[in-house]
Protein backbone atom coordinates (compact mmCIF):
# COMPACT_ATOMS: atom_id res chain seq x y z
CA MET A 1 112.73 -95.41 -55.84
CA ILE A 2 113.61 -95.45 -52.73
CA LEU A 3 110.42 -94.18 -50.30
CA HIS A 4 111.28 -93.10 -46.88
CA LEU A 5 108.21 -93.06 -44.54
CA ASP A 6 108.48 -91.57 -41.21
CA GLY A 7 105.13 -93.05 -39.32
CA PRO A 8 102.27 -95.33 -39.70
CA VAL A 9 100.16 -93.96 -42.50
CA PHE A 10 101.75 -94.24 -45.97
CA SER A 11 100.45 -94.83 -49.33
CA ILE A 12 102.82 -96.83 -52.04
CA PRO A 13 102.07 -95.77 -55.71
CA ASN A 14 101.56 -98.18 -58.56
CA TYR A 15 101.71 -98.89 -62.09
CA ASP A 16 98.25 -99.17 -63.41
CA ASP A 17 99.28 -100.65 -66.75
CA THR A 18 101.98 -103.39 -65.10
CA VAL A 19 99.34 -106.13 -65.30
CA THR A 20 99.39 -107.85 -68.79
CA PRO A 21 96.89 -109.86 -70.36
CA PHE A 22 98.47 -112.83 -69.69
CA ALA A 23 98.34 -112.38 -66.05
CA ARG A 24 95.01 -111.15 -65.93
CA TRP A 25 93.62 -114.60 -68.12
CA LYS A 26 95.73 -116.59 -65.89
CA ARG A 27 94.69 -115.53 -62.45
CA GLY A 28 91.91 -113.27 -62.96
CA ASN A 29 91.37 -109.41 -62.42
CA ASP A 30 90.99 -109.57 -59.04
CA HIS A 31 93.90 -111.61 -57.63
CA VAL A 32 96.63 -110.08 -60.19
CA ASP A 33 99.04 -108.27 -57.90
CA GLN A 34 100.03 -104.64 -58.64
CA HIS A 35 103.61 -103.72 -59.05
CA THR A 36 105.26 -100.34 -58.03
CA PRO A 37 108.13 -98.01 -59.13
CA VAL A 38 109.19 -98.42 -55.34
CA GLU A 39 112.46 -100.41 -55.12
CA SER A 40 112.78 -100.24 -51.22
CA VAL A 41 111.09 -98.64 -48.31
CA VAL A 42 112.47 -96.94 -45.44
CA ILE A 43 110.25 -96.99 -42.30
CA TYR A 44 112.08 -96.56 -38.65
CA ASP A 45 115.62 -96.91 -40.39
CA VAL A 46 114.53 -100.65 -41.63
CA TRP A 47 114.81 -101.57 -45.51
CA VAL A 48 111.94 -103.32 -46.55
CA VAL A 49 112.36 -104.88 -50.31
CA SER A 50 109.99 -106.95 -52.88
CA ARG A 51 111.49 -108.84 -55.08
CA TYR A 52 108.86 -107.99 -57.76
CA GLN A 53 108.01 -104.67 -56.20
CA LEU A 54 104.50 -105.63 -55.31
CA ILE A 55 102.51 -103.70 -53.36
CA ARG A 56 100.56 -106.55 -50.90
CA SER A 57 104.63 -107.84 -50.24
CA LEU A 58 105.44 -104.60 -49.15
CA GLU A 59 102.22 -103.59 -47.27
CA LYS A 60 102.62 -106.63 -45.52
CA MET A 61 106.02 -106.34 -44.47
CA ILE A 62 106.04 -102.67 -43.39
CA SER A 63 102.31 -103.27 -41.40
CA ALA A 64 104.96 -106.00 -39.39
CA ILE A 65 107.70 -103.60 -38.78
CA LEU A 66 104.82 -101.05 -37.33
CA ARG A 67 103.70 -103.42 -35.37
CA MET A 68 106.84 -104.46 -33.56
CA HIS A 69 107.64 -102.86 -30.12
CA PRO A 70 110.04 -100.18 -30.89
CA TYR A 71 113.08 -101.80 -28.81
CA LEU A 72 112.70 -105.20 -30.91
CA ARG A 73 112.09 -103.16 -34.36
CA LYS A 74 115.92 -101.39 -33.37
CA SER A 75 117.34 -104.64 -33.65
CA VAL A 76 116.51 -105.34 -37.67
CA TYR A 77 118.17 -103.73 -40.49
CA SER A 78 116.28 -105.31 -43.68
CA VAL A 79 113.46 -107.33 -44.76
CA PHE A 80 113.10 -109.05 -47.81
CA CYS A 81 110.14 -110.81 -49.15
CA ASP A 82 111.06 -113.48 -52.32
CA ASP A 83 107.94 -112.99 -53.74
CA LYS A 84 108.33 -115.60 -56.73
CA ALA A 85 108.92 -118.07 -54.15
CA CYS A 86 105.14 -117.34 -52.39
CA SER A 87 106.19 -115.50 -49.32
CA VAL A 88 109.84 -116.42 -48.22
CA TYR A 89 111.04 -113.57 -46.11
CA THR A 90 114.78 -113.13 -45.15
CA ILE A 91 115.31 -110.96 -42.03
CA VAL A 92 118.61 -109.03 -41.69
CA LEU A 93 119.65 -108.36 -37.92
CA ASN A 94 121.49 -104.82 -37.48
CA PRO A 95 125.40 -105.82 -36.78
CA ASP A 96 125.23 -104.69 -33.15
CA VAL A 97 122.55 -106.86 -32.09
CA ASP A 98 122.88 -109.84 -30.07
CA HIS A 99 121.65 -112.54 -32.39
CA ASP A 100 120.49 -115.38 -29.45
CA PRO A 101 117.88 -113.49 -27.98
CA ALA A 102 116.47 -111.22 -30.79
CA ALA A 103 116.23 -113.49 -33.80
CA GLU A 104 113.73 -115.56 -32.32
CA ALA A 105 111.61 -112.99 -31.30
CA VAL A 106 111.88 -110.80 -34.72
CA ALA A 107 110.77 -114.55 -36.37
CA TYR A 108 107.97 -115.11 -34.14
CA HIS A 109 106.70 -111.42 -34.05
CA PHE A 110 107.15 -111.00 -38.01
CA GLU A 111 105.16 -114.65 -38.45
CA GLU A 112 102.19 -113.30 -36.65
CA SER A 113 101.82 -109.85 -38.13
CA VAL A 114 102.27 -111.56 -41.88
CA LYS A 115 99.91 -114.01 -41.22
CA TYR A 116 96.88 -112.09 -40.36
CA HIS A 117 97.61 -109.15 -42.49
CA GLY A 118 94.39 -106.78 -42.47
CA GLY A 119 92.41 -109.12 -41.00
CA MET A 120 92.91 -112.40 -43.27
CA PRO A 121 94.66 -115.12 -42.93
CA TYR A 122 97.73 -115.41 -44.84
CA GLY A 123 100.98 -117.82 -44.12
CA HIS A 124 104.48 -117.83 -45.42
CA ASN A 125 107.11 -120.22 -46.86
CA GLY A 126 109.41 -120.00 -44.19
CA ILE A 127 110.83 -116.95 -42.21
CA SER A 128 115.02 -116.82 -41.62
CA VAL A 129 116.81 -114.54 -39.62
CA CYS A 130 120.04 -113.29 -40.48
CA GLU A 131 123.08 -112.04 -39.36
CA PHE A 132 124.21 -108.56 -40.82
CA ASP A 133 126.59 -108.91 -43.96
CA ASP A 134 127.96 -105.46 -45.67
CA GLY A 135 124.10 -104.04 -45.85
CA SER A 136 123.15 -107.03 -48.00
CA ALA A 137 119.31 -107.39 -48.09
CA TYR A 138 119.86 -111.11 -47.87
CA GLY A 139 122.25 -110.53 -44.83
CA GLY A 140 124.92 -113.18 -43.87
CA GLY A 141 124.70 -117.01 -41.99
CA CYS A 142 120.97 -117.98 -40.37
CA VAL A 143 120.86 -117.84 -36.84
CA PHE A 144 117.31 -118.62 -36.75
CA GLU A 145 114.38 -120.29 -39.61
CA LEU A 146 110.65 -120.83 -39.71
CA ASP A 147 109.51 -123.67 -41.11
CA PRO A 148 106.35 -122.62 -43.68
CA ASP A 149 103.38 -121.97 -42.05
CA TRP A 150 99.76 -121.75 -43.81
CA ASP A 151 97.37 -122.77 -41.19
CA GLY A 152 94.27 -121.56 -41.03
CA PHE A 153 94.74 -119.97 -44.85
CA ALA A 154 91.27 -120.27 -47.14
CA VAL A 155 91.45 -120.03 -50.78
């Protein structure tokens, strides 16, 4: 299922029964990630994809896209979160974008958005900005990368 959004107000459907007894035991009921049948979200022509279709990951990425200036947002083709690697993000730039000025601006803006999603300190295990490669969510060669940053994150 692909969810097309046309504004900042959105709701992502979830599976109520996708939380396995093992996951509840391992992480506790309050910390189990909710999954969604939504495979990808398209907002302002930007594709947003979570490897395991986690609602929390999709919400963080959508929030970051919504907070971008429209000019900067036009340079982004897709955003992918590798949930298995704990918040590793790949941002693919549109094919007609000059990578030099856009890549760094997009990466730092995205980092600030996901680090403080919902007012809570958070972090990431790396952000890669890549050139467009035939519509792949992973893109082609990386043109800019940010190292993992968990400053201020409290468990």
